[in-house]
PDB file of all heavy atoms in Angstrom:
ATOM      1  N   LEU A   1      -7.401-114.819 -70.997  1.00  0.00           N
ATOM      2  CA  LEU A   1      -6.798-114.279 -69.753  1.00  0.00           C
ATOM      3  C   LEU A   1      -7.031-112.811 -69.588  1.00  0.00           C
ATOM      4  O   LEU A   1      -7.315-112.358 -68.526  1.00  0.00           O
ATOM      5  CB  LEU A   1      -5.279-114.549 -69.828  1.00  0.00           C
ATOM      6  CG  LEU A   1      -4.825-115.965 -69.823  1.00  0.00           C
ATOM      7  CD1 LEU A   1      -3.323-116.095 -70.033  1.00  0.00           C
ATOM      8  CD2 LEU A   1      -5.178-116.606 -68.430  1.00  0.00           C
ATOM      9  N   LEU A   2      -6.896-111.984 -70.703  1.00  0.00           N
ATOM     10  CA  LEU A   2      -7.179-110.597 -70.613  1.00  0.00           C
ATOM     11  C   LEU A   2      -8.660-110.332 -70.255  1.00  0.00           C
ATOM     12  O   LEU A   2      -8.947-109.453 -69.472  1.00  0.00           O
ATOM     13  CB  LEU A   2      -6.866-109.907 -71.914  1.00  0.00           C
ATOM     14  CG  LEU A   2      -5.365-109.776 -72.238  1.00  0.00           C
ATOM     15  CD1 LEU A   2      -5.189-109.335 -73.624  1.00  0.00           C
ATOM     16  CD2 LEU A   2      -4.659-108.866 -71.332  1.00  0.00           C
ATOM     17  N   GLN A   3      -9.559-110.983 -70.886  1.00  0.00           N
ATOM     18  CA  GLN A   3     -10.957-110.890 -70.589  1.00  0.00           C
ATOM     19  C   GLN A   3     -11.258-111.239 -69.188  1.00  0.00           C
ATOM     20  O   GLN A   3     -12.208-110.738 -68.562  1.00  0.00           O
ATOM     21  CB  GLN A   3     -11.776-111.565 -71.593  1.00  0.00           C
ATOM     22  CG  GLN A   3     -11.686-111.019 -72.990  1.00  0.00           C
ATOM     23  CD  GLN A   3     -12.333-111.852 -74.059  1.00  0.00           C
ATOM     24  OE1 GLN A   3     -12.792-113.041 -73.805  1.00  0.00           O
ATOM     25  NE2 GLN A   3     -12.530-111.270 -75.220  1.00  0.00           N
ATOM     26  N   ALA A   4     -10.583-112.208 -68.621  1.00  0.00           N
ATOM     27  CA  ALA A   4     -10.766-112.615 -67.262  1.00  0.00           C
ATOM     28  C   ALA A   4     -10.197-111.627 -66.221  1.00  0.00           C
ATOM     29  O   ALA A   4     -10.411-111.778 -65.046  1.00  0.00           O
ATOM     30  CB  ALA A   4     -10.179-113.997 -67.046  1.00  0.00           C
ATOM     31  N   GLY A   5      -9.416-110.651 -66.722  1.00  0.00           N
ATOM     32  CA  GLY A   5      -8.949-109.699 -65.838  1.00  0.00           C
ATOM     33  C   GLY A   5      -7.534-109.878 -65.333  1.00  0.00           C
ATOM     34  O   GLY A   5      -7.071-109.260 -64.451  1.00  0.00           O
ATOM     35  N   VAL A   6      -6.859-110.939 -65.935  1.00  0.00           N
ATOM     36  CA  VAL A   6      -5.490-111.153 -65.512  1.00  0.00           C
ATOM     37  C   VAL A   6      -4.594-109.971 -65.985  1.00  0.00           C
ATOM     38  O   VAL A   6      -4.715-109.541 -67.154  1.00  0.00           O
ATOM     39  CB  VAL A   6      -4.961-112.457 -66.166  1.00  0.00           C
ATOM     40  CG1 VAL A   6      -3.511-112.726 -65.765  1.00  0.00           C
ATOM     41  CG2 VAL A   6      -5.820-113.646 -65.673  1.00  0.00           C
ATOM     42  N   ASP A   7      -3.769-109.469 -65.083  1.00  0.00           N
ATOM     43  CA  ASP A   7      -2.904-108.377 -65.444  1.00  0.00           C
ATOM     44  C   ASP A   7      -1.898-108.661 -66.564  1.00  0.00           C
ATOM     45  O   ASP A   7      -1.407-109.791 -66.595  1.00  0.00           O
ATOM     46  CB  ASP A   7      -2.134-107.960 -64.141  1.00  0.00           C
ATOM     47  CG  ASP A   7      -1.457-106.678 -64.344  1.00  0.00           C
ATOM     48  OD1 ASP A   7      -2.081-105.572 -64.394  1.00  0.00           O
ATOM     49  OD2 ASP A   7      -0.174-106.738 -64.363  1.00  0.00           O
ATOM     50  N   THR A   8      -1.655-107.701 -67.400  1.00  0.00           N
ATOM     51  CA  THR A   8      -0.795-107.865 -68.498  1.00  0.00           C
ATOM     52  C   THR A   8       0.620-108.248 -68.088  1.00  0.00           C
ATOM     53  O   THR A   8       1.371-108.942 -68.758  1.00  0.00           O
ATOM     54  CB  THR A   8      -0.791-106.742 -69.520  1.00  0.00           C
ATOM     55  OG1 THR A   8      -0.451-105.485 -68.732  1.00  0.00           O
ATOM     56  CG2 THR A   8      -2.106-106.510 -70.185  1.00  0.00           C
ATOM     57  N   THR A   9       1.016-107.738 -66.976  1.00  0.00           N
ATOM     58  CA  THR A   9       2.363-108.056 -66.403  1.00  0.00           C
ATOM     59  C   THR A   9       2.460-109.558 -66.128  1.00  0.00           C
ATOM     60  O   THR A   9       3.492-110.136 -66.491  1.00  0.00           O
ATOM     61  CB  THR A   9       2.608-107.293 -65.057  1.00  0.00           C
ATOM     62  OG1 THR A   9       2.349-105.872 -65.361  1.00  0.00           O
ATOM     63  CG2 THR A   9       4.003-107.491 -64.631  1.00  0.00           C
ATOM     64  N   VAL A  10       1.479-110.123 -65.580  1.00  0.00           N
ATOM     65  CA  VAL A  10       1.474-111.587 -65.314  1.00  0.00           C
ATOM     66  C   VAL A  10       1.540-112.393 -66.568  1.00  0.00           C
ATOM     67  O   VAL A  10       2.283-113.328 -66.708  1.00  0.00           O
ATOM     68  CB  VAL A  10       0.262-111.998 -64.435  1.00  0.00           C
ATOM     69  CG1 VAL A  10       0.093-113.450 -64.234  1.00  0.00           C
ATOM     70  CG2 VAL A  10       0.307-111.233 -63.072  1.00  0.00           C
ATOM     71  N   ILE A  11       0.712-112.014 -67.492  1.00  0.00           N
ATOM     72  CA  ILE A  11       0.676-112.677 -68.856  1.00  0.00           C
ATOM     73  C   ILE A  11       2.001-112.577 -69.482  1.00  0.00           C
ATOM     74  O   ILE A  11       2.487-113.546 -70.091  1.00  0.00           O
ATOM     75  CB  ILE A  11      -0.404-112.047 -69.701  1.00  0.00           C
ATOM     76  CG1 ILE A  11      -1.793-112.292 -69.101  1.00  0.00           C
ATOM     77  CG2 ILE A  11      -0.411-112.685 -71.184  1.00  0.00           C
ATOM     78  CD1 ILE A  11      -3.006-111.606 -69.773  1.00  0.00           C
ATOM     79  N   ALA A  12       2.628-111.439 -69.471  1.00  0.00           N
ATOM     80  CA  ALA A  12       3.948-111.243 -70.104  1.00  0.00           C
ATOM     81  C   ALA A  12       5.029-112.206 -69.507  1.00  0.00           C
ATOM     82  O   ALA A  12       5.725-112.823 -70.167  1.00  0.00           O
ATOM     83  CB  ALA A  12       4.471-109.764 -70.072  1.00  0.00           C
ATOM     84  N   LEU A  13       4.915-112.280 -68.163  1.00  0.00           N
ATOM     85  CA  LEU A  13       5.839-113.201 -67.445  1.00  0.00           C
ATOM     86  C   LEU A  13       5.595-114.673 -67.833  1.00  0.00           C
ATOM     87  O   LEU A  13       6.457-115.476 -68.043  1.00  0.00           O
ATOM     88  CB  LEU A  13       5.735-113.024 -65.897  1.00  0.00           C
ATOM     89  CG  LEU A  13       6.359-111.728 -65.415  1.00  0.00           C
ATOM     90  CD1 LEU A  13       5.903-111.563 -63.948  1.00  0.00           C
ATOM     91  CD2 LEU A  13       7.766-111.659 -65.629  1.00  0.00           C
ATOM     92  N   TRP A  14       4.233-115.061 -67.873  1.00  0.00           N
ATOM     93  CA  TRP A  14       3.882-116.411 -68.221  1.00  0.00           C
ATOM     94  C   TRP A  14       4.377-116.800 -69.697  1.00  0.00           C
ATOM     95  O   TRP A  14       4.852-117.939 -69.888  1.00  0.00           O
ATOM     96  CB  TRP A  14       2.413-116.669 -68.123  1.00  0.00           C
ATOM     97  CG  TRP A  14       1.890-116.702 -66.692  1.00  0.00           C
ATOM     98  CD1 TRP A  14       2.590-116.909 -65.596  1.00  0.00           C
ATOM     99  CD2 TRP A  14       0.557-116.635 -66.310  1.00  0.00           C
ATOM    100  NE1 TRP A  14       1.790-116.935 -64.484  1.00  0.00           N
ATOM    101  CE2 TRP A  14       0.523-116.719 -64.938  1.00  0.00           C
ATOM    102  CE3 TRP A  14      -0.664-116.510 -66.999  1.00  0.00           C
ATOM    103  CZ2 TRP A  14      -0.674-116.767 -64.232  1.00  0.00           C
ATOM    104  CZ3 TRP A  14      -1.809-116.462 -66.323  1.00  0.00           C
ATOM    105  CH2 TRP A  14      -1.815-116.590 -64.904  1.00  0.00           C
ATOM    106  N   LEU A  15       4.284-115.823 -70.546  1.00  0.00           N
ATOM    107  CA  LEU A  15       4.705-116.109 -71.929  1.00  0.00           C
ATOM    108  C   LEU A  15       6.214-115.967 -72.149  1.00  0.00           C
ATOM    109  O   LEU A  15       6.603-116.276 -73.245  1.00  0.00           O
ATOM    110  CB  LEU A  15       3.900-115.126 -72.890  1.00  0.00           C
ATOM    111  CG  LEU A  15       2.427-115.256 -72.923  1.00  0.00           C
ATOM    112  CD1 LEU A  15       1.767-114.217 -73.822  1.00  0.00           C
ATOM    113  CD2 LEU A  15       2.045-116.744 -73.430  1.00  0.00           C
ATOM    114  N   GLY A  16       6.908-115.495 -71.125  1.00  0.00           N
ATOM    115  CA  GLY A  16       8.327-115.325 -71.241  1.00  0.00           C
ATOM    116  C   GLY A  16       8.775-114.084 -72.055  1.00  0.00           C
ATOM    117  O   GLY A  16       9.883-114.068 -72.592  1.00  0.00           O
ATOM    118  N   HIS A  17       7.881-113.097 -72.123  1.00  0.00           N
ATOM    119  CA  HIS A  17       8.234-111.885 -72.795  1.00  0.00           C
ATOM    120  C   HIS A  17       9.273-111.108 -72.048  1.00  0.00           C
ATOM    121  O   HIS A  17       9.280-111.103 -70.805  1.00  0.00           O
ATOM    122  CB  HIS A  17       6.989-110.994 -73.012  1.00  0.00           C
ATOM    123  CG  HIS A  17       6.017-111.605 -74.013  1.00  0.00           C
ATOM    124  ND1 HIS A  17       4.783-111.005 -74.349  1.00  0.00           N
ATOM    125  CD2 HIS A  17       6.055-112.750 -74.769  1.00  0.00           C
ATOM    126  CE1 HIS A  17       4.121-111.738 -75.216  1.00  0.00           C
ATOM    127  NE2 HIS A  17       4.912-112.851 -75.437  1.00  0.00           N
ATOM    128  N   ALA A  18      10.078-110.341 -72.784  1.00  0.00           N
ATOM    129  CA  ALA A  18      11.171-109.569 -72.144  1.00  0.00           C
ATOM    130  C   ALA A  18      10.462-108.383 -71.403  1.00  0.00           C
ATOM    131  O   ALA A  18      11.072-107.983 -70.393  1.00  0.00           O
ATOM    132  CB  ALA A  18      12.130-109.084 -73.162  1.00  0.00           C
ATOM    133  N   GLY A  19       9.313-107.899 -71.799  1.00  0.00           N
ATOM    134  CA  GLY A  19       8.760-106.784 -71.177  1.00  0.00           C
ATOM    135  C   GLY A  19       7.250-106.806 -71.321  1.00  0.00           C
ATOM    136  O   GLY A  19       6.745-107.542 -72.188  1.00  0.00           O
ATOM    137  N   VAL A  20       6.568-105.911 -70.576  1.00  0.00           N
ATOM    138  CA  VAL A  20       5.153-105.856 -70.649  1.00  0.00           C
ATOM    139  C   VAL A  20       4.632-105.238 -72.027  1.00  0.00           C
ATOM    140  O   VAL A  20       3.553-105.573 -72.513  1.00  0.00           O
ATOM    141  CB  VAL A  20       4.598-105.031 -69.459  1.00  0.00           C
ATOM    142  CG1 VAL A  20       3.084-104.895 -69.563  1.00  0.00           C
ATOM    143  CG2 VAL A  20       4.988-105.672 -68.164  1.00  0.00           C
ATOM    144  N   ARG A  21       5.416-104.370 -72.507  1.00  0.00           N
ATOM    145  CA  ARG A  21       5.042-103.728 -73.827  1.00  0.00           C
ATOM    146  C   ARG A  21       4.750-104.697 -74.942  1.00  0.00           C
ATOM    147  O   ARG A  21       4.021-104.409 -75.829  1.00  0.00           O
ATOM    148  CB  ARG A  21       6.083-102.643 -74.230  1.00  0.00           C
ATOM    149  CG  ARG A  21       6.202-101.560 -73.176  1.00  0.00           C
ATOM    150  CD  ARG A  21       7.096-100.481 -73.720  1.00  0.00           C
ATOM    151  NE  ARG A  21       6.513 -99.984 -75.031  1.00  0.00           N
ATOM    152  CZ  ARG A  21       5.938 -98.837 -75.166  1.00  0.00           C
ATOM    153  NH1 ARG A  21       5.866 -97.945 -74.136  1.00  0.00           N
ATOM    154  NH2 ARG A  21       5.431 -98.449 -76.343  1.00  0.00           N
ATOM    155  N   SER A  22       5.340-105.909 -74.924  1.00  0.00           N
ATOM    156  CA  SER A  22       5.127-106.848 -76.020  1.00  0.00           C
ATOM    157  C   SER A  22       3.711-107.402 -75.885  1.00  0.00           C
ATOM    158  O   SER A  22       3.261-108.004 -76.899  1.00  0.00           O
ATOM    159  CB  SER A  22       6.154-108.002 -75.894  1.00  0.00           C
ATOM    160  OG  SER A  22       6.135-108.580 -74.675  1.00  0.00           O
ATOM    161  N   THR A  23       3.003-107.314 -74.837  1.00  0.00           N
ATOM    162  CA  THR A  23       1.617-107.760 -74.760  1.00  0.00           C
ATOM    163  C   THR A  23       0.634-106.605 -75.043  1.00  0.00           C
ATOM    164  O   THR A  23      -0.584-106.926 -75.194  1.00  0.00           O
ATOM    165  CB  THR A  23       1.340-108.260 -73.293  1.00  0.00           C
ATOM    166  OG1 THR A  23       1.551-107.160 -72.369  1.00  0.00           O
ATOM    167  CG2 THR A  23       2.103-109.404 -72.952  1.00  0.00           C
ATOM    168  N   ASP A  24       1.144-105.449 -75.310  1.00  0.00           N
ATOM    169  CA  ASP A  24       0.256-104.283 -75.686  1.00  0.00           C
ATOM    170  C   ASP A  24      -0.659-104.544 -76.911  1.00  0.00           C
ATOM    171  O   ASP A  24      -1.725-104.134 -77.012  1.00  0.00           O
ATOM    172  CB  ASP A  24       1.009-103.019 -75.848  1.00  0.00           C
ATOM    173  CG  ASP A  24       1.453-102.438 -74.554  1.00  0.00           C
ATOM    174  OD1 ASP A  24       0.949-102.898 -73.503  1.00  0.00           O
ATOM    175  OD2 ASP A  24       2.336-101.529 -74.542  1.00  0.00           O
ATOM    176  N   ALA A  25      -0.019-105.239 -77.882  1.00  0.00           N
ATOM    177  CA  ALA A  25      -0.763-105.537 -79.150  1.00  0.00           C
ATOM    178  C   ALA A  25      -2.075-106.301 -78.891  1.00  0.00           C
ATOM    179  O   ALA A  25      -3.028-106.108 -79.473  1.00  0.00           O
ATOM    180  CB  ALA A  25       0.094-106.294 -80.117  1.00  0.00           C
ATOM    181  N   TYR A  26      -2.001-107.216 -77.876  1.00  0.00           N
ATOM    182  CA  TYR A  26      -3.193-107.961 -77.544  1.00  0.00           C
ATOM    183  C   TYR A  26      -4.247-107.147 -76.956  1.00  0.00           C
ATOM    184  O   TYR A  26      -5.543-107.268 -77.301  1.00  0.00           O
ATOM    185  CB  TYR A  26      -2.784-109.146 -76.668  1.00  0.00           C
ATOM    186  CG  TYR A  26      -1.831-110.124 -77.193  1.00  0.00           C
ATOM    187  CD1 TYR A  26      -0.534-110.142 -76.601  1.00  0.00           C
ATOM    188  CD2 TYR A  26      -2.092-110.920 -78.261  1.00  0.00           C
ATOM    189  CE1 TYR A  26       0.413-111.060 -77.095  1.00  0.00           C
ATOM    190  CE2 TYR A  26      -1.111-111.794 -78.800  1.00  0.00           C
ATOM    191  CZ  TYR A  26       0.123-111.826 -78.200  1.00  0.00           C
ATOM    192  OH  TYR A  26       1.081-112.671 -78.692  1.00  0.00           O
ATOM    193  N   VAL A  27      -3.900-106.242 -76.153  1.00  0.00           N
ATOM    194  CA  VAL A  27      -4.866-105.372 -75.492  1.00  0.00           C
ATOM    195  C   VAL A  27      -5.493-104.444 -76.453  1.00  0.00           C
ATOM    196  O   VAL A  27      -6.698-104.246 -76.421  1.00  0.00           O
ATOM    197  CB  VAL A  27      -4.094-104.510 -74.329  1.00  0.00           C
ATOM    198  CG1 VAL A  27      -5.052-103.507 -73.766  1.00  0.00           C
ATOM    199  CG2 VAL A  27      -3.536-105.489 -73.263  1.00  0.00           C
ATOM    200  N   HIS A  28      -4.690-103.898 -77.346  1.00  0.00           N
ATOM    201  CA  HIS A  28      -5.257-102.982 -78.320  1.00  0.00           C
ATOM    202  C   HIS A  28      -6.103-103.709 -79.390  1.00  0.00           C
ATOM    203  O   HIS A  28      -7.020-103.043 -79.965  1.00  0.00           O
ATOM    204  CB  HIS A  28      -4.045-102.233 -79.032  1.00  0.00           C
ATOM    205  CG  HIS A  28      -3.359-101.347 -78.168  1.00  0.00           C
ATOM    206  ND1 HIS A  28      -3.999-100.172 -77.579  1.00  0.00           N
ATOM    207  CD2 HIS A  28      -2.153-101.349 -77.670  1.00  0.00           C
ATOM    208  CE1 HIS A  28      -3.080 -99.522 -76.849  1.00  0.00           C
ATOM    209  NE2 HIS A  28      -1.981-100.258 -76.795  1.00  0.00           N
ATOM    210  N   ALA A  29      -5.928-105.035 -79.625  1.00  0.00           N
ATOM    211  CA  ALA A  29      -6.640-105.699 -80.618  1.00  0.00           C
ATOM    212  C   ALA A  29      -7.985-106.209 -80.085  1.00  0.00           C
ATOM    213  O   ALA A  29      -8.862-106.505 -80.874  1.00  0.00           O
ATOM    214  CB  ALA A  29      -5.821-106.902 -81.127  1.00  0.00           C
ATOM    215  N   ASP A  30      -8.228-106.271 -78.805  1.00  0.00           N
ATOM    216  CA  ASP A  30      -9.415-106.823 -78.243  1.00  0.00           C
ATOM    217  C   ASP A  30     -10.459-105.764 -78.048  1.00  0.00           C
ATOM    218  O   ASP A  30     -10.442-105.006 -77.141  1.00  0.00           O
ATOM    219  CB  ASP A  30      -9.050-107.594 -77.006  1.00  0.00           C
ATOM    220  CG  ASP A  30     -10.263-108.307 -76.336  1.00  0.00           C
ATOM    221  OD1 ASP A  30     -11.243-108.567 -77.133  1.00  0.00           O
ATOM    222  OD2 ASP A  30     -10.159-108.713 -75.253  1.00  0.00           O
ATOM    223  N   MET A  31     -11.541-105.847 -78.835  1.00  0.00           N
ATOM    224  CA  MET A  31     -12.670-104.895 -78.789  1.00  0.00           C
ATOM    225  C   MET A  31     -13.460-105.069 -77.481  1.00  0.00           C
ATOM    226  O   MET A  31     -13.980-104.118 -76.939  1.00  0.00           O
ATOM    227  CB  MET A  31     -13.546-104.987 -79.982  1.00  0.00           C
ATOM    228  CG  MET A  31     -12.976-104.485 -81.291  1.00  0.00           C
ATOM    229  SD  MET A  31     -12.439-102.772 -81.165  1.00  0.00           S
ATOM    230  CE  MET A  31     -13.947-101.968 -80.984  1.00  0.00           C
ATOM    231  N   THR A  32     -13.513-106.296 -76.960  1.00  0.00           N
ATOM    232  CA  THR A  32     -14.287-106.463 -75.724  1.00  0.00           C
ATOM    233  C   THR A  32     -13.725-105.668 -74.579  1.00  0.00           C
ATOM    234  O   THR A  32     -14.363-105.078 -73.840  1.00  0.00           O
ATOM    235  CB  THR A  32     -14.277-107.988 -75.400  1.00  0.00           C
ATOM    236  OG1 THR A  32     -14.778-108.716 -76.449  1.00  0.00           O
ATOM    237  CG2 THR A  32     -15.224-108.291 -74.182  1.00  0.00           C
ATOM    238  N   ILE A  33     -12.342-105.675 -74.542  1.00  0.00           N
ATOM    239  CA  ILE A  33     -11.706-104.961 -73.410  1.00  0.00           C
ATOM    240  C   ILE A  33     -11.958-103.485 -73.559  1.00  0.00           C
ATOM    241  O   ILE A  33     -12.226-102.740 -72.623  1.00  0.00           O
ATOM    242  CB  ILE A  33     -10.179-105.330 -73.306  1.00  0.00           C
ATOM    243  CG1 ILE A  33      -9.982-106.808 -72.901  1.00  0.00           C
ATOM    244  CG2 ILE A  33      -9.416-104.336 -72.402  1.00  0.00           C
ATOM    245  CD1 ILE A  33      -8.577-107.155 -72.952  1.00  0.00           C
ATOM    246  N   LYS A  34     -11.858-102.990 -74.865  1.00  0.00           N
ATOM    247  CA  LYS A  34     -12.097-101.600 -75.108  1.00  0.00           C
ATOM    248  C   LYS A  34     -13.521-101.186 -74.690  1.00  0.00           C
ATOM    249  O   LYS A  34     -13.763-100.162 -74.134  1.00  0.00           O
ATOM    250  CB  LYS A  34     -11.854-101.316 -76.578  1.00  0.00           C
ATOM    251  CG  LYS A  34     -10.448-101.374 -76.992  1.00  0.00           C
ATOM    252  CD  LYS A  34     -10.325-100.988 -78.409  1.00  0.00           C
ATOM    253  CE  LYS A  34      -8.845-101.059 -78.859  1.00  0.00           C
ATOM    254  NZ  LYS A  34      -8.610-100.736 -80.268  1.00  0.00           N
ATOM    255  N   GLU A  35     -14.561-102.006 -75.086  1.00  0.00           N
ATOM    256  CA  GLU A  35     -15.858-101.676 -74.744  1.00  0.00           C
ATOM    257  C   GLU A  35     -16.148-101.682 -73.257  1.00  0.00           C
ATOM    258  O   GLU A  35     -16.845-100.934 -72.670  1.00  0.00           O
ATOM    259  CB  GLU A  35     -16.855-102.712 -75.418  1.00  0.00           C
ATOM    260  CG  GLU A  35     -16.860-102.440 -76.955  1.00  0.00           C
ATOM    261  CD  GLU A  35     -17.737-103.444 -77.671  1.00  0.00           C
ATOM    262  OE1 GLU A  35     -18.171-104.407 -77.063  1.00  0.00           O
ATOM    263  OE2 GLU A  35     -18.069-103.272 -78.926  1.00  0.00           O
ATOM    264  N   GLN A  36     -15.492-102.660 -72.541  1.00  0.00           N
ATOM    265  CA  GLN A  36     -15.660-102.677 -71.041  1.00  0.00           C
ATOM    266  C   GLN A  36     -15.004-101.372 -70.468  1.00  0.00           C
ATOM    267  O   GLN A  36     -15.587-100.845 -69.505  1.00  0.00           O
ATOM    268  CB  GLN A  36     -14.921-103.877 -70.470  1.00  0.00           C
ATOM    269  CG  GLN A  36     -15.736-105.165 -70.786  1.00  0.00           C
ATOM    270  CD  GLN A  36     -14.905-106.417 -70.410  1.00  0.00           C
ATOM    271  OE1 GLN A  36     -13.715-106.360 -70.057  1.00  0.00           O
ATOM    272  NE2 GLN A  36     -15.616-107.547 -70.521  1.00  0.00           N
ATOM    273  N   ALA A  37     -13.895-100.999 -70.899  1.00  0.00           N
ATOM    274  CA  ALA A  37     -13.258 -99.754 -70.391  1.00  0.00           C
ATOM    275  C   ALA A  37     -14.071 -98.546 -70.690  1.00  0.00           C
ATOM    276  O   ALA A  37     -14.337 -97.665 -69.840  1.00  0.00           O
ATOM    277  CB  ALA A  37     -11.831 -99.616 -71.013  1.00  0.00           C
ATOM    278  N   LEU A  38     -14.662 -98.429 -71.845  1.00  0.00           N
ATOM    279  CA  LEU A  38     -15.539 -97.331 -72.202  1.00  0.00           C
ATOM    280  C   LEU A  38     -16.813 -97.393 -71.323  1.00  0.00           C
ATOM    281  O   LEU A  38     -17.280 -96.319 -70.946  1.00  0.00           O
ATOM    282  CB  LEU A  38     -15.950 -97.380 -73.716  1.00  0.00           C
ATOM    283  CG  LEU A  38     -14.803 -96.990 -74.621  1.00  0.00           C
ATOM    284  CD1 LEU A  38     -15.230 -97.250 -76.059  1.00  0.00           C
ATOM    285  CD2 LEU A  38     -14.453 -95.568 -74.429  1.00  0.00           C
TER     286      LEU A  38
END
């Protein structure tokens, strides 16, 4: 979902997370997203 460009806010809501910050670990762990940003 992250690689497809789905916003982390939407993912957090779908997963039932209390806040967006709980999805931050996934973003920081994905090297593909980091390389695309760079």
